[in-house]
């Protein structure tokens, strides 16, 4: 992971635990506990993702264990009551699965998770074949980048490109993921762009832009 923007492929987990449509309820629950995950992709054939089974899909069996829903509740919660009586992944899973491509950006993945209220996304290629899993924790990996790494990227991708004639006058410091840009540059019109581009560096917590330009005559 050496350049911006990072993609899902940069942070996803490629060793994926998956189940098939015929996998039984207890085997699903056991796999979730063993691998400490809250959801599992359901695949068939050569790894084609057909759905996702999550803890939420299993919970109705416990919810209705001692409670038989009345007719009105059954009609209102048809999906949950059906899952309560199901024993295999094909009847428990949510389908179609919400997936993402390896070349999607991290902000795109984060927005999809937020919009759909999910914690993990199967990563699939153009044919729908499983390539990995990306989780909320994976998306936060960019914030583990060192201050030195961030400063180097800011200088290379922002300062050197926007201010080639005055880049030596620009000082870039990063502390705890917060970047500070100071110094005088020739073209003041580019200062707002420099601030935006610095913000866009993956792993940036905040930016303090204190660049100045000579007063125009």
N, C-alpha and C. Protein backbone atom coordinates (compact mmCIF):
# COMPACT_ATOMS: atom_id res chain seq x y z
N UNK A 1 0.85 -1.19 0.00
CA UNK A 1 0.00 0.00 0.00
C UNK A 1 0.89 1.24 0.00
N UNK A 2 1.16 1.78 -1.18
CA UNK A 2 2.12 2.86 -1.25
C UNK A 2 1.60 4.10 -1.92
N UNK A 3 0.38 4.10 -2.40
CA UNK A 3 -0.10 5.28 -3.11
C UNK A 3 -1.54 5.57 -2.75
N UNK A 4 -1.97 6.78 -3.09
CA UNK A 4 -3.33 7.22 -2.85
C UNK A 4 -4.03 7.33 -4.20
N UNK A 5 -5.31 6.96 -4.36
CA UNK A 5 -6.15 6.43 -3.28
C UNK A 5 -5.96 4.93 -3.08
N UNK A 6 -6.16 4.48 -1.86
CA UNK A 6 -6.14 3.05 -1.60
C UNK A 6 -7.45 2.45 -2.12
N UNK A 7 -7.39 1.18 -2.44
CA UNK A 7 -8.59 0.48 -2.88
C UNK A 7 -8.91 -0.64 -1.90
N UNK A 8 -10.07 -1.22 -2.07
CA UNK A 8 -10.48 -2.34 -1.22
C UNK A 8 -9.45 -3.47 -1.29
N UNK A 9 -8.88 -3.68 -2.47
CA UNK A 9 -7.89 -4.75 -2.63
C UNK A 9 -6.68 -4.55 -1.73
N UNK A 10 -6.38 -3.30 -1.37
CA UNK A 10 -5.22 -3.02 -0.53
C UNK A 10 -5.41 -3.46 0.92
N UNK A 11 -6.65 -3.49 1.38
CA UNK A 11 -6.89 -3.74 2.81
C UNK A 11 -7.72 -4.98 3.10
N UNK A 12 -8.31 -5.59 2.08
CA UNK A 12 -9.22 -6.71 2.32
C UNK A 12 -8.47 -7.94 2.83
N UNK A 13 -9.22 -8.82 3.47
CA UNK A 13 -8.71 -10.11 3.91
C UNK A 13 -8.96 -11.12 2.80
N UNK A 14 -7.91 -11.80 2.37
CA UNK A 14 -8.07 -12.73 1.24
C UNK A 14 -8.32 -14.17 1.70
N UNK A 15 -8.03 -14.46 2.96
CA UNK A 15 -8.34 -15.79 3.49
C UNK A 15 -9.74 -15.73 4.06
N UNK A 16 -10.70 -16.25 3.30
CA UNK A 16 -12.11 -16.08 3.63
C UNK A 16 -12.74 -17.40 4.04
N UNK A 17 -13.49 -17.36 5.12
CA UNK A 17 -14.28 -18.51 5.54
C UNK A 17 -15.67 -18.35 4.94
N UNK A 18 -16.10 -19.33 4.16
CA UNK A 18 -17.40 -19.26 3.51
C UNK A 18 -18.15 -20.56 3.73
N UNK A 19 -19.45 -20.52 3.46
CA UNK A 19 -20.29 -21.72 3.55
C UNK A 19 -21.01 -21.90 2.22
N UNK A 20 -21.65 -23.04 2.06
CA UNK A 20 -22.42 -23.31 0.86
C UNK A 20 -23.91 -23.28 1.19
N UNK A 21 -24.76 -23.25 0.19
CA UNK A 21 -26.21 -23.22 0.47
C UNK A 21 -26.69 -24.39 1.32
N UNK A 22 -25.99 -25.52 1.26
CA UNK A 22 -26.44 -26.70 2.01
C UNK A 22 -25.87 -26.78 3.42
N UNK A 23 -25.02 -25.82 3.80
CA UNK A 23 -24.44 -25.85 5.14
C UNK A 23 -25.53 -25.71 6.19
N UNK A 24 -25.46 -26.54 7.23
CA UNK A 24 -26.48 -26.55 8.26
C UNK A 24 -26.33 -25.45 9.28
N UNK A 25 -27.42 -25.20 10.00
CA UNK A 25 -27.49 -24.12 10.99
C UNK A 25 -26.35 -24.22 12.01
N UNK A 26 -26.18 -25.39 12.61
CA UNK A 26 -25.17 -25.53 13.66
C UNK A 26 -23.77 -25.34 13.12
N UNK A 27 -23.52 -25.79 11.91
CA UNK A 27 -22.19 -25.60 11.31
C UNK A 27 -21.92 -24.12 11.05
N UNK A 28 -22.96 -23.38 10.68
CA UNK A 28 -22.80 -21.94 10.46
C UNK A 28 -22.46 -21.26 11.78
N UNK A 29 -23.24 -21.57 12.82
CA UNK A 29 -23.00 -20.97 14.14
C UNK A 29 -21.62 -21.33 14.67
N UNK A 30 -21.21 -22.56 14.44
CA UNK A 30 -19.89 -23.01 14.90
C UNK A 30 -18.78 -22.26 14.17
N UNK A 31 -18.93 -22.07 12.87
CA UNK A 31 -17.92 -21.35 12.10
C UNK A 31 -17.81 -19.90 12.55
N UNK A 32 -18.95 -19.27 12.82
CA UNK A 32 -18.92 -17.88 13.29
C UNK A 32 -18.17 -17.76 14.61
N UNK A 33 -18.43 -18.70 15.51
CA UNK A 33 -17.77 -18.67 16.81
C UNK A 33 -16.28 -18.98 16.68
N UNK A 34 -15.96 -19.96 15.87
CA UNK A 34 -14.56 -20.37 15.74
C UNK A 34 -13.71 -19.27 15.12
N UNK A 35 -14.24 -18.61 14.11
CA UNK A 35 -13.45 -17.61 13.39
C UNK A 35 -13.75 -16.18 13.84
N UNK A 36 -14.61 -16.04 14.84
CA UNK A 36 -14.91 -14.74 15.43
C UNK A 36 -15.39 -13.74 14.37
N UNK A 37 -16.36 -14.16 13.57
CA UNK A 37 -16.95 -13.29 12.56
C UNK A 37 -18.45 -13.23 12.79
N UNK A 38 -19.07 -12.19 12.26
CA UNK A 38 -20.51 -12.00 12.46
C UNK A 38 -21.32 -12.35 11.21
N UNK A 39 -20.64 -12.64 10.12
CA UNK A 39 -21.34 -12.98 8.88
C UNK A 39 -20.43 -13.81 7.99
N UNK A 40 -21.04 -14.65 7.16
CA UNK A 40 -20.29 -15.52 6.26
C UNK A 40 -20.89 -15.46 4.86
N UNK A 41 -20.05 -15.32 3.84
CA UNK A 41 -20.58 -15.39 2.48
C UNK A 41 -21.02 -16.81 2.16
N UNK A 42 -22.05 -16.90 1.35
CA UNK A 42 -22.55 -18.20 0.90
C UNK A 42 -22.16 -18.33 -0.57
N UNK A 43 -21.42 -19.38 -0.90
CA UNK A 43 -20.92 -19.53 -2.26
C UNK A 43 -21.37 -20.86 -2.86
N UNK A 44 -21.38 -20.89 -4.18
CA UNK A 44 -21.66 -22.14 -4.88
C UNK A 44 -20.77 -22.22 -6.11
N UNK A 45 -20.64 -23.39 -6.67
CA UNK A 45 -19.81 -23.57 -7.85
C UNK A 45 -18.36 -23.24 -7.59
N UNK A 46 -17.79 -22.38 -8.43
CA UNK A 46 -16.38 -22.00 -8.33
C UNK A 46 -16.17 -20.76 -7.46
N UNK A 47 -17.03 -20.58 -6.48
CA UNK A 47 -16.87 -19.46 -5.57
C UNK A 47 -17.78 -18.29 -5.85
N UNK A 48 -18.84 -18.52 -6.61
CA UNK A 48 -19.80 -17.45 -6.91
C UNK A 48 -20.63 -17.14 -5.67
N UNK A 49 -20.66 -15.87 -5.28
CA UNK A 49 -21.38 -15.46 -4.07
C UNK A 49 -22.87 -15.35 -4.37
N UNK A 50 -23.67 -16.12 -3.62
CA UNK A 50 -25.11 -16.11 -3.83
C UNK A 50 -25.86 -15.47 -2.67
N UNK A 51 -25.16 -15.20 -1.58
CA UNK A 51 -25.81 -14.58 -0.43
C UNK A 51 -24.84 -14.42 0.72
N UNK A 52 -25.36 -13.90 1.82
CA UNK A 52 -24.59 -13.75 3.05
C UNK A 52 -25.48 -14.18 4.21
N UNK A 53 -24.94 -14.98 5.11
CA UNK A 53 -25.68 -15.38 6.30
C UNK A 53 -25.00 -14.74 7.50
N UNK A 54 -25.78 -14.04 8.31
CA UNK A 54 -25.23 -13.29 9.43
C UNK A 54 -25.85 -13.74 10.74
N UNK A 55 -25.32 -13.20 11.83
CA UNK A 55 -25.90 -13.49 13.14
C UNK A 55 -27.37 -13.09 13.18
N UNK A 56 -27.69 -11.99 12.52
CA UNK A 56 -29.08 -11.53 12.50
C UNK A 56 -30.00 -12.54 11.82
N UNK A 57 -29.45 -13.29 10.85
CA UNK A 57 -30.26 -14.30 10.17
C UNK A 57 -30.49 -15.53 11.05
N UNK A 58 -29.58 -15.76 11.99
CA UNK A 58 -29.71 -16.92 12.88
C UNK A 58 -30.56 -16.62 14.11
N UNK A 59 -30.58 -15.36 14.50
CA UNK A 59 -31.22 -14.98 15.77
C UNK A 59 -32.70 -15.33 15.87
N UNK A 60 -33.50 -15.25 14.79
CA UNK A 60 -34.93 -15.59 14.93
C UNK A 60 -35.18 -16.98 15.51
N UNK A 61 -34.28 -17.92 15.27
CA UNK A 61 -34.50 -19.27 15.81
C UNK A 61 -34.51 -19.23 17.34
N UNK A 62 -33.66 -18.39 17.92
CA UNK A 62 -33.65 -18.25 19.38
C UNK A 62 -34.81 -17.37 19.85
N UNK A 63 -35.08 -16.32 19.08
CA UNK A 63 -36.15 -15.39 19.46
C UNK A 63 -37.49 -16.10 19.57
N UNK A 64 -37.77 -17.01 18.63
CA UNK A 64 -39.07 -17.69 18.61
C UNK A 64 -39.01 -19.09 19.22
N UNK A 65 -37.94 -19.36 19.95
CA UNK A 65 -37.76 -20.69 20.54
C UNK A 65 -38.88 -21.04 21.52
N UNK A 66 -39.26 -20.07 22.34
CA UNK A 66 -40.32 -20.31 23.33
C UNK A 66 -41.55 -19.45 23.07
N UNK A 67 -41.55 -18.82 21.91
CA UNK A 67 -42.67 -17.91 21.61
C UNK A 67 -43.18 -18.19 20.21
N UNK A 68 -44.40 -18.65 20.12
CA UNK A 68 -45.01 -18.90 18.81
C UNK A 68 -45.77 -17.64 18.40
N UNK A 69 -45.32 -16.96 17.34
CA UNK A 69 -45.96 -15.70 16.97
C UNK A 69 -47.40 -15.90 16.49
N UNK A 70 -48.23 -14.91 16.80
CA UNK A 70 -49.60 -14.95 16.33
C UNK A 70 -49.67 -14.64 14.85
N UNK A 71 -50.86 -14.74 14.29
CA UNK A 71 -51.04 -14.56 12.85
C UNK A 71 -50.59 -13.18 12.39
N UNK A 72 -50.96 -12.15 13.15
CA UNK A 72 -50.60 -10.79 12.75
C UNK A 72 -49.09 -10.61 12.76
N UNK A 73 -48.44 -11.13 13.80
CA UNK A 73 -46.97 -11.00 13.89
C UNK A 73 -46.30 -11.82 12.79
N UNK A 74 -46.86 -12.98 12.48
CA UNK A 74 -46.29 -13.79 11.40
C UNK A 74 -46.35 -13.04 10.07
N UNK A 75 -47.47 -12.37 9.81
CA UNK A 75 -47.61 -11.63 8.57
C UNK A 75 -46.67 -10.43 8.54
N UNK A 76 -46.48 -9.81 9.70
CA UNK A 76 -45.63 -8.62 9.77
C UNK A 76 -44.16 -8.98 9.66
N UNK A 77 -43.81 -10.18 10.10
CA UNK A 77 -42.40 -10.59 10.11
C UNK A 77 -42.23 -11.93 9.40
N UNK A 78 -42.71 -11.97 8.18
CA UNK A 78 -42.66 -13.21 7.41
C UNK A 78 -41.24 -13.73 7.26
N UNK A 79 -40.31 -12.81 6.97
CA UNK A 79 -38.93 -13.24 6.77
C UNK A 79 -38.33 -13.86 8.01
N UNK A 80 -38.53 -13.21 9.15
CA UNK A 80 -37.95 -13.71 10.39
C UNK A 80 -38.57 -15.03 10.83
N UNK A 81 -39.89 -15.13 10.69
CA UNK A 81 -40.53 -16.38 11.11
C UNK A 81 -40.13 -17.53 10.20
N UNK A 82 -39.90 -17.24 8.92
CA UNK A 82 -39.44 -18.28 8.00
C UNK A 82 -38.04 -18.75 8.39
N UNK A 83 -37.18 -17.79 8.75
CA UNK A 83 -35.82 -18.15 9.14
C UNK A 83 -35.80 -18.92 10.45
N UNK A 84 -36.75 -18.64 11.32
CA UNK A 84 -36.81 -19.35 12.60
C UNK A 84 -37.02 -20.85 12.38
N UNK A 85 -37.65 -21.21 11.29
CA UNK A 85 -37.90 -22.62 11.01
C UNK A 85 -36.92 -23.22 10.02
N UNK A 86 -35.90 -22.46 9.63
CA UNK A 86 -34.96 -22.92 8.61
C UNK A 86 -33.74 -23.58 9.25
N UNK A 87 -33.13 -24.49 8.50
CA UNK A 87 -31.98 -25.24 9.03
C UNK A 87 -30.77 -25.19 8.12
N UNK A 88 -30.89 -24.58 6.94
CA UNK A 88 -29.77 -24.54 6.00
C UNK A 88 -29.51 -23.12 5.52
N UNK A 89 -28.28 -22.88 5.10
CA UNK A 89 -27.87 -21.54 4.68
C UNK A 89 -28.74 -20.99 3.56
N UNK A 90 -29.17 -21.84 2.64
CA UNK A 90 -29.93 -21.37 1.49
C UNK A 90 -31.25 -20.72 1.90
N UNK A 91 -31.79 -21.11 3.06
CA UNK A 91 -33.04 -20.52 3.54
C UNK A 91 -32.82 -19.44 4.60
N UNK A 92 -31.60 -19.37 5.11
CA UNK A 92 -31.28 -18.40 6.15
C UNK A 92 -30.64 -17.14 5.58
N UNK A 93 -29.93 -17.28 4.49
CA UNK A 93 -29.11 -16.18 3.98
C UNK A 93 -29.94 -15.02 3.44
N UNK A 94 -29.28 -13.86 3.44
CA UNK A 94 -29.83 -12.68 2.80
C UNK A 94 -29.32 -12.67 1.36
N UNK A 95 -30.23 -12.54 0.42
CA UNK A 95 -29.86 -12.59 -0.98
C UNK A 95 -30.69 -11.58 -1.77
N UNK A 96 -30.13 -10.93 -2.78
CA UNK A 96 -28.74 -11.05 -3.22
C UNK A 96 -27.79 -10.40 -2.23
N UNK A 97 -26.56 -10.86 -2.23
CA UNK A 97 -25.57 -10.33 -1.31
C UNK A 97 -25.16 -8.91 -1.72
N UNK A 98 -24.92 -8.08 -0.73
CA UNK A 98 -24.34 -6.76 -0.99
C UNK A 98 -22.83 -6.96 -1.09
N UNK A 99 -22.27 -6.70 -2.25
CA UNK A 99 -20.86 -6.96 -2.49
C UNK A 99 -20.16 -5.71 -3.00
N UNK A 100 -18.85 -5.80 -3.13
CA UNK A 100 -18.08 -4.68 -3.64
C UNK A 100 -16.93 -5.23 -4.47
N UNK A 101 -16.43 -4.42 -5.40
CA UNK A 101 -15.33 -4.83 -6.27
C UNK A 101 -13.98 -4.50 -5.64
N UNK A 102 -12.93 -5.23 -6.00
CA UNK A 102 -11.60 -4.96 -5.42
C UNK A 102 -11.07 -3.57 -5.72
N UNK A 103 -11.48 -2.99 -6.86
CA UNK A 103 -10.94 -1.68 -7.23
C UNK A 103 -11.74 -0.51 -6.68
N UNK A 104 -12.75 -0.79 -5.86
CA UNK A 104 -13.52 0.29 -5.23
C UNK A 104 -12.63 1.00 -4.22
N UNK A 105 -12.87 2.29 -4.03
CA UNK A 105 -12.09 3.05 -3.06
C UNK A 105 -12.60 2.78 -1.65
N UNK A 106 -11.79 3.12 -0.67
CA UNK A 106 -12.20 2.91 0.72
C UNK A 106 -13.41 3.77 1.10
N UNK A 107 -13.48 5.04 0.67
CA UNK A 107 -14.69 5.81 0.96
C UNK A 107 -15.95 5.18 0.36
N UNK A 108 -15.83 4.60 -0.83
CA UNK A 108 -16.99 3.93 -1.43
C UNK A 108 -17.43 2.75 -0.58
N UNK A 109 -16.47 1.98 -0.08
CA UNK A 109 -16.81 0.84 0.78
C UNK A 109 -17.44 1.31 2.08
N UNK A 110 -16.89 2.37 2.65
CA UNK A 110 -17.42 2.89 3.92
C UNK A 110 -18.85 3.39 3.74
N UNK A 111 -19.12 4.08 2.63
CA UNK A 111 -20.47 4.58 2.39
C UNK A 111 -21.46 3.44 2.19
N UNK A 112 -21.03 2.39 1.48
CA UNK A 112 -21.91 1.25 1.25
C UNK A 112 -22.25 0.55 2.57
N UNK A 113 -21.25 0.39 3.42
CA UNK A 113 -21.50 -0.22 4.73
C UNK A 113 -22.48 0.62 5.54
N UNK A 114 -22.28 1.93 5.53
CA UNK A 114 -23.15 2.82 6.30
C UNK A 114 -24.57 2.82 5.75
N UNK A 115 -24.68 2.89 4.42
CA UNK A 115 -26.01 2.93 3.80
C UNK A 115 -26.80 1.65 4.04
N UNK A 116 -26.11 0.51 4.03
CA UNK A 116 -26.80 -0.78 4.15
C UNK A 116 -26.74 -1.35 5.57
N UNK A 117 -26.10 -0.62 6.48
CA UNK A 117 -26.02 -1.03 7.89
C UNK A 117 -25.40 -2.42 8.03
N UNK A 118 -24.26 -2.62 7.38
CA UNK A 118 -23.57 -3.90 7.47
C UNK A 118 -22.11 -3.66 7.86
N UNK A 119 -21.50 -4.71 8.42
CA UNK A 119 -20.15 -4.59 8.96
C UNK A 119 -19.07 -5.17 8.05
N UNK A 120 -19.48 -6.07 7.15
CA UNK A 120 -18.51 -6.76 6.28
C UNK A 120 -19.09 -6.87 4.87
N UNK A 121 -18.21 -6.77 3.89
CA UNK A 121 -18.63 -6.88 2.50
C UNK A 121 -17.82 -7.95 1.79
N UNK A 122 -18.48 -8.91 1.14
CA UNK A 122 -17.73 -9.82 0.27
C UNK A 122 -17.16 -9.02 -0.91
N UNK A 123 -15.93 -9.32 -1.26
CA UNK A 123 -15.28 -8.65 -2.39
C UNK A 123 -15.30 -9.63 -3.55
N UNK A 124 -15.89 -9.21 -4.67
CA UNK A 124 -16.05 -10.11 -5.81
C UNK A 124 -15.50 -9.48 -7.08
N UNK A 125 -15.13 -10.34 -8.03
CA UNK A 125 -14.68 -9.84 -9.32
C UNK A 125 -15.88 -9.61 -10.24
N UNK A 126 -15.60 -9.32 -11.50
CA UNK A 126 -16.68 -9.00 -12.44
C UNK A 126 -17.65 -10.15 -12.64
N UNK A 127 -17.21 -11.37 -12.37
CA UNK A 127 -18.07 -12.54 -12.53
C UNK A 127 -18.81 -12.91 -11.25
N UNK A 128 -18.59 -12.14 -10.19
CA UNK A 128 -19.25 -12.44 -8.93
C UNK A 128 -18.54 -13.49 -8.10
N UNK A 129 -17.28 -13.78 -8.45
CA UNK A 129 -16.50 -14.78 -7.73
C UNK A 129 -15.83 -14.14 -6.51
N UNK A 130 -15.90 -14.82 -5.39
CA UNK A 130 -15.37 -14.30 -4.14
C UNK A 130 -13.85 -14.16 -4.19
N UNK A 131 -13.36 -12.96 -3.85
CA UNK A 131 -11.93 -12.69 -3.82
C UNK A 131 -11.42 -12.32 -2.44
N UNK A 132 -12.33 -11.93 -1.56
CA UNK A 132 -11.92 -11.54 -0.23
C UNK A 132 -13.09 -11.00 0.57
N UNK A 133 -12.77 -10.49 1.74
CA UNK A 133 -13.75 -9.86 2.62
C UNK A 133 -13.14 -8.55 3.12
N UNK A 134 -13.95 -7.51 3.14
CA UNK A 134 -13.47 -6.25 3.72
C UNK A 134 -14.42 -5.88 4.86
N UNK A 135 -13.84 -5.54 6.00
CA UNK A 135 -14.63 -5.21 7.19
C UNK A 135 -14.40 -3.76 7.58
N UNK A 136 -15.18 -3.30 8.55
CA UNK A 136 -14.96 -1.95 9.06
C UNK A 136 -13.54 -1.81 9.59
N UNK A 137 -13.07 -2.83 10.30
CA UNK A 137 -11.72 -2.78 10.85
C UNK A 137 -10.68 -2.66 9.73
N UNK A 138 -10.91 -3.34 8.61
CA UNK A 138 -9.98 -3.26 7.49
C UNK A 138 -9.90 -1.83 6.95
N UNK A 139 -11.04 -1.16 6.89
CA UNK A 139 -11.06 0.21 6.37
C UNK A 139 -10.27 1.16 7.26
N UNK A 140 -10.16 0.82 8.53
CA UNK A 140 -9.44 1.68 9.47
C UNK A 140 -7.93 1.44 9.45
N UNK A 141 -7.48 0.45 8.69
CA UNK A 141 -6.04 0.14 8.64
C UNK A 141 -5.22 1.32 8.14
N UNK A 142 -5.83 2.16 7.29
CA UNK A 142 -5.06 3.29 6.74
C UNK A 142 -4.61 4.24 7.84
N UNK A 143 -5.33 4.25 8.96
CA UNK A 143 -4.95 5.14 10.06
C UNK A 143 -3.79 4.60 10.89
N UNK A 144 -3.28 3.44 10.48
CA UNK A 144 -2.09 2.89 11.13
C UNK A 144 -0.81 3.34 10.42
N UNK A 145 -0.95 4.08 9.33
CA UNK A 145 0.23 4.58 8.62
C UNK A 145 1.02 5.51 9.54
N UNK A 146 2.33 5.46 9.43
CA UNK A 146 3.17 6.29 10.29
C UNK A 146 3.12 7.74 9.85
N UNK A 147 3.44 8.64 10.78
CA UNK A 147 3.50 10.06 10.46
C UNK A 147 4.54 10.32 9.36
N UNK A 148 5.65 9.60 9.42
CA UNK A 148 6.69 9.78 8.41
C UNK A 148 6.20 9.39 7.02
N UNK A 149 5.45 8.30 6.95
CA UNK A 149 4.92 7.85 5.67
C UNK A 149 3.93 8.87 5.11
N UNK A 150 3.09 9.41 5.97
CA UNK A 150 2.12 10.41 5.53
C UNK A 150 2.82 11.67 5.05
N UNK A 151 3.82 12.12 5.79
CA UNK A 151 4.54 13.34 5.41
C UNK A 151 5.23 13.17 4.07
N UNK A 152 5.82 12.00 3.85
CA UNK A 152 6.50 11.73 2.58
C UNK A 152 5.51 11.77 1.42
N UNK A 153 4.34 11.18 1.61
CA UNK A 153 3.35 11.18 0.53
C UNK A 153 2.81 12.58 0.26
N UNK A 154 2.58 13.36 1.31
CA UNK A 154 2.09 14.73 1.12
C UNK A 154 3.11 15.55 0.33
N UNK A 155 4.37 15.41 0.67
CA UNK A 155 5.39 16.17 -0.05
C UNK A 155 5.48 15.73 -1.50
N UNK A 156 5.40 14.42 -1.74
CA UNK A 156 5.55 13.91 -3.10
C UNK A 156 4.33 14.21 -3.97
N UNK A 157 3.13 14.00 -3.42
CA UNK A 157 1.92 14.08 -4.25
C UNK A 157 1.24 15.44 -4.21
N UNK A 158 1.58 16.26 -3.23
CA UNK A 158 0.94 17.57 -3.12
C UNK A 158 1.94 18.70 -3.33
N UNK A 159 2.90 18.79 -2.44
CA UNK A 159 3.82 19.94 -2.47
C UNK A 159 4.66 19.96 -3.73
N UNK A 160 5.32 18.85 -4.05
CA UNK A 160 6.21 18.83 -5.21
C UNK A 160 5.46 19.06 -6.52
N UNK A 161 4.21 18.63 -6.58
CA UNK A 161 3.44 18.77 -7.82
C UNK A 161 2.82 20.16 -7.97
N UNK A 162 2.31 20.70 -6.88
CA UNK A 162 1.64 22.01 -6.97
C UNK A 162 2.62 23.18 -6.92
N UNK A 163 3.70 22.99 -6.18
CA UNK A 163 4.62 24.11 -5.98
C UNK A 163 6.06 23.72 -6.34
N UNK A 164 6.29 23.35 -7.60
CA UNK A 164 7.64 22.89 -7.98
C UNK A 164 8.71 23.97 -7.85
N UNK A 165 8.32 25.24 -7.94
CA UNK A 165 9.30 26.31 -7.87
C UNK A 165 9.56 26.80 -6.45
N UNK A 166 8.70 26.41 -5.53
CA UNK A 166 8.88 26.88 -4.15
C UNK A 166 8.72 25.75 -3.14
N UNK A 167 8.87 24.51 -3.61
CA UNK A 167 8.61 23.38 -2.72
C UNK A 167 9.58 23.32 -1.55
N UNK A 168 10.80 23.84 -1.74
CA UNK A 168 11.76 23.80 -0.65
C UNK A 168 11.38 24.75 0.49
N UNK A 169 10.53 25.73 0.18
CA UNK A 169 10.11 26.69 1.20
C UNK A 169 8.92 26.18 2.01
N UNK A 170 8.34 25.06 1.57
CA UNK A 170 7.17 24.51 2.26
C UNK A 170 7.62 23.44 3.25
N UNK A 171 7.16 23.57 4.48
CA UNK A 171 7.48 22.60 5.51
C UNK A 171 6.25 21.75 5.79
N UNK A 172 6.44 20.44 5.78
CA UNK A 172 5.36 19.50 6.06
C UNK A 172 5.69 18.73 7.33
N UNK A 173 4.83 18.84 8.32
CA UNK A 173 5.00 18.05 9.54
C UNK A 173 3.71 17.29 9.81
N UNK A 174 3.85 16.09 10.34
CA UNK A 174 2.69 15.28 10.68
C UNK A 174 2.89 14.73 12.08
N UNK A 175 1.91 14.94 12.93
CA UNK A 175 1.95 14.42 14.30
C UNK A 175 0.61 13.78 14.63
N UNK A 176 0.64 12.49 14.97
CA UNK A 176 -0.58 11.75 15.28
C UNK A 176 -1.60 11.82 14.15
N UNK A 177 -1.10 11.82 12.92
CA UNK A 177 -1.98 11.83 11.76
C UNK A 177 -2.49 13.19 11.36
N UNK A 178 -2.08 14.24 12.07
CA UNK A 178 -2.52 15.60 11.76
C UNK A 178 -1.38 16.32 11.04
N UNK A 179 -1.64 16.75 9.81
CA UNK A 179 -0.62 17.39 9.00
C UNK A 179 -0.69 18.91 9.13
N UNK A 180 0.49 19.52 9.16
CA UNK A 180 0.59 20.98 9.17
C UNK A 180 1.50 21.40 8.03
N UNK A 181 0.98 22.27 7.18
CA UNK A 181 1.74 22.81 6.05
C UNK A 181 2.03 24.28 6.33
N UNK A 182 3.30 24.65 6.32
CA UNK A 182 3.68 26.04 6.55
C UNK A 182 4.69 26.47 5.49
N UNK A 183 4.78 27.78 5.28
CA UNK A 183 5.74 28.31 4.33
C UNK A 183 5.08 29.23 3.33
N UNK A 184 5.91 29.82 2.48
CA UNK A 184 5.42 30.76 1.47
C UNK A 184 5.54 30.14 0.08
N UNK A 185 4.46 30.25 -0.69
CA UNK A 185 4.43 29.72 -2.05
C UNK A 185 4.15 30.85 -3.02
N UNK A 186 4.50 30.66 -4.27
CA UNK A 186 4.35 31.72 -5.25
C UNK A 186 2.90 31.91 -5.69
N UNK A 187 2.18 30.81 -5.84
CA UNK A 187 0.81 30.88 -6.36
C UNK A 187 -0.19 30.64 -5.24
N UNK A 188 -0.74 31.71 -4.70
CA UNK A 188 -1.69 31.59 -3.61
C UNK A 188 -2.99 30.94 -4.01
N UNK A 189 -3.32 30.97 -5.31
CA UNK A 189 -4.57 30.37 -5.76
C UNK A 189 -4.58 28.85 -5.57
N UNK A 190 -3.40 28.26 -5.44
CA UNK A 190 -3.31 26.81 -5.30
C UNK A 190 -3.36 26.34 -3.85
N UNK A 191 -3.36 27.28 -2.92
CA UNK A 191 -3.35 26.89 -1.50
C UNK A 191 -4.60 26.10 -1.11
N UNK A 192 -5.82 26.53 -1.50
CA UNK A 192 -7.01 25.72 -1.15
C UNK A 192 -6.94 24.31 -1.74
N UNK A 193 -6.41 24.20 -2.96
CA UNK A 193 -6.28 22.88 -3.58
C UNK A 193 -5.28 22.02 -2.81
N UNK A 194 -4.21 22.62 -2.37
CA UNK A 194 -3.21 21.88 -1.58
C UNK A 194 -3.84 21.33 -0.31
N UNK A 195 -4.68 22.13 0.32
CA UNK A 195 -5.34 21.67 1.55
C UNK A 195 -6.28 20.50 1.26
N UNK A 196 -7.06 20.60 0.17
CA UNK A 196 -7.99 19.52 -0.17
C UNK A 196 -7.24 18.23 -0.51
N UNK A 197 -6.17 18.35 -1.28
CA UNK A 197 -5.41 17.16 -1.65
C UNK A 197 -4.74 16.52 -0.44
N UNK A 198 -4.30 17.33 0.49
CA UNK A 198 -3.69 16.78 1.70
C UNK A 198 -4.74 16.03 2.52
N UNK A 199 -5.94 16.59 2.60
CA UNK A 199 -7.03 15.90 3.29
C UNK A 199 -7.33 14.55 2.64
N UNK A 200 -7.13 14.45 1.32
CA UNK A 200 -7.50 13.22 0.61
C UNK A 200 -6.48 12.10 0.76
N UNK A 201 -5.32 12.40 1.34
CA UNK A 201 -4.33 11.35 1.57
C UNK A 201 -4.90 10.34 2.56
N UNK A 202 -4.87 9.06 2.19
CA UNK A 202 -5.45 8.03 3.05
C UNK A 202 -4.69 7.95 4.37
N UNK A 203 -5.45 7.97 5.46
CA UNK A 203 -4.86 7.90 6.78
C UNK A 203 -4.74 9.25 7.46
N UNK A 204 -5.17 10.31 6.75
CA UNK A 204 -5.08 11.65 7.31
C UNK A 204 -6.19 11.87 8.34
N UNK A 205 -5.82 12.33 9.52
CA UNK A 205 -6.80 12.62 10.57
C UNK A 205 -7.33 14.04 10.44
N UNK A 206 -6.42 14.99 10.20
CA UNK A 206 -6.82 16.39 10.04
C UNK A 206 -5.68 17.13 9.36
N UNK A 207 -5.98 18.34 8.88
CA UNK A 207 -4.98 19.14 8.17
C UNK A 207 -5.06 20.58 8.65
N UNK A 208 -3.91 21.14 8.98
CA UNK A 208 -3.79 22.56 9.28
C UNK A 208 -2.94 23.19 8.18
N UNK A 209 -3.57 23.95 7.32
CA UNK A 209 -2.86 24.56 6.20
C UNK A 209 -2.55 26.01 6.54
N UNK A 210 -1.27 26.31 6.70
CA UNK A 210 -0.84 27.66 7.06
C UNK A 210 0.09 28.24 6.00
N UNK A 211 -0.13 27.82 4.77
CA UNK A 211 0.65 28.34 3.65
C UNK A 211 0.23 29.79 3.37
N UNK A 212 1.17 30.58 2.94
CA UNK A 212 0.90 31.97 2.58
C UNK A 212 1.53 32.26 1.23
N UNK A 213 1.08 33.34 0.61
CA UNK A 213 1.63 33.76 -0.67
C UNK A 213 1.91 35.26 -0.61
N UNK A 214 2.86 35.74 -1.41
CA UNK A 214 3.15 37.18 -1.42
C UNK A 214 1.93 37.99 -1.82
N UNK A 215 1.79 39.15 -1.24
CA UNK A 215 0.68 40.02 -1.60
C UNK A 215 0.83 40.47 -3.04
N UNK A 216 -0.28 40.50 -3.75
CA UNK A 216 -0.24 40.92 -5.15
C UNK A 216 -0.18 42.44 -5.24
N UNK A 217 0.61 42.89 -6.20
CA UNK A 217 0.76 44.34 -6.37
C UNK A 217 -0.52 44.94 -6.94
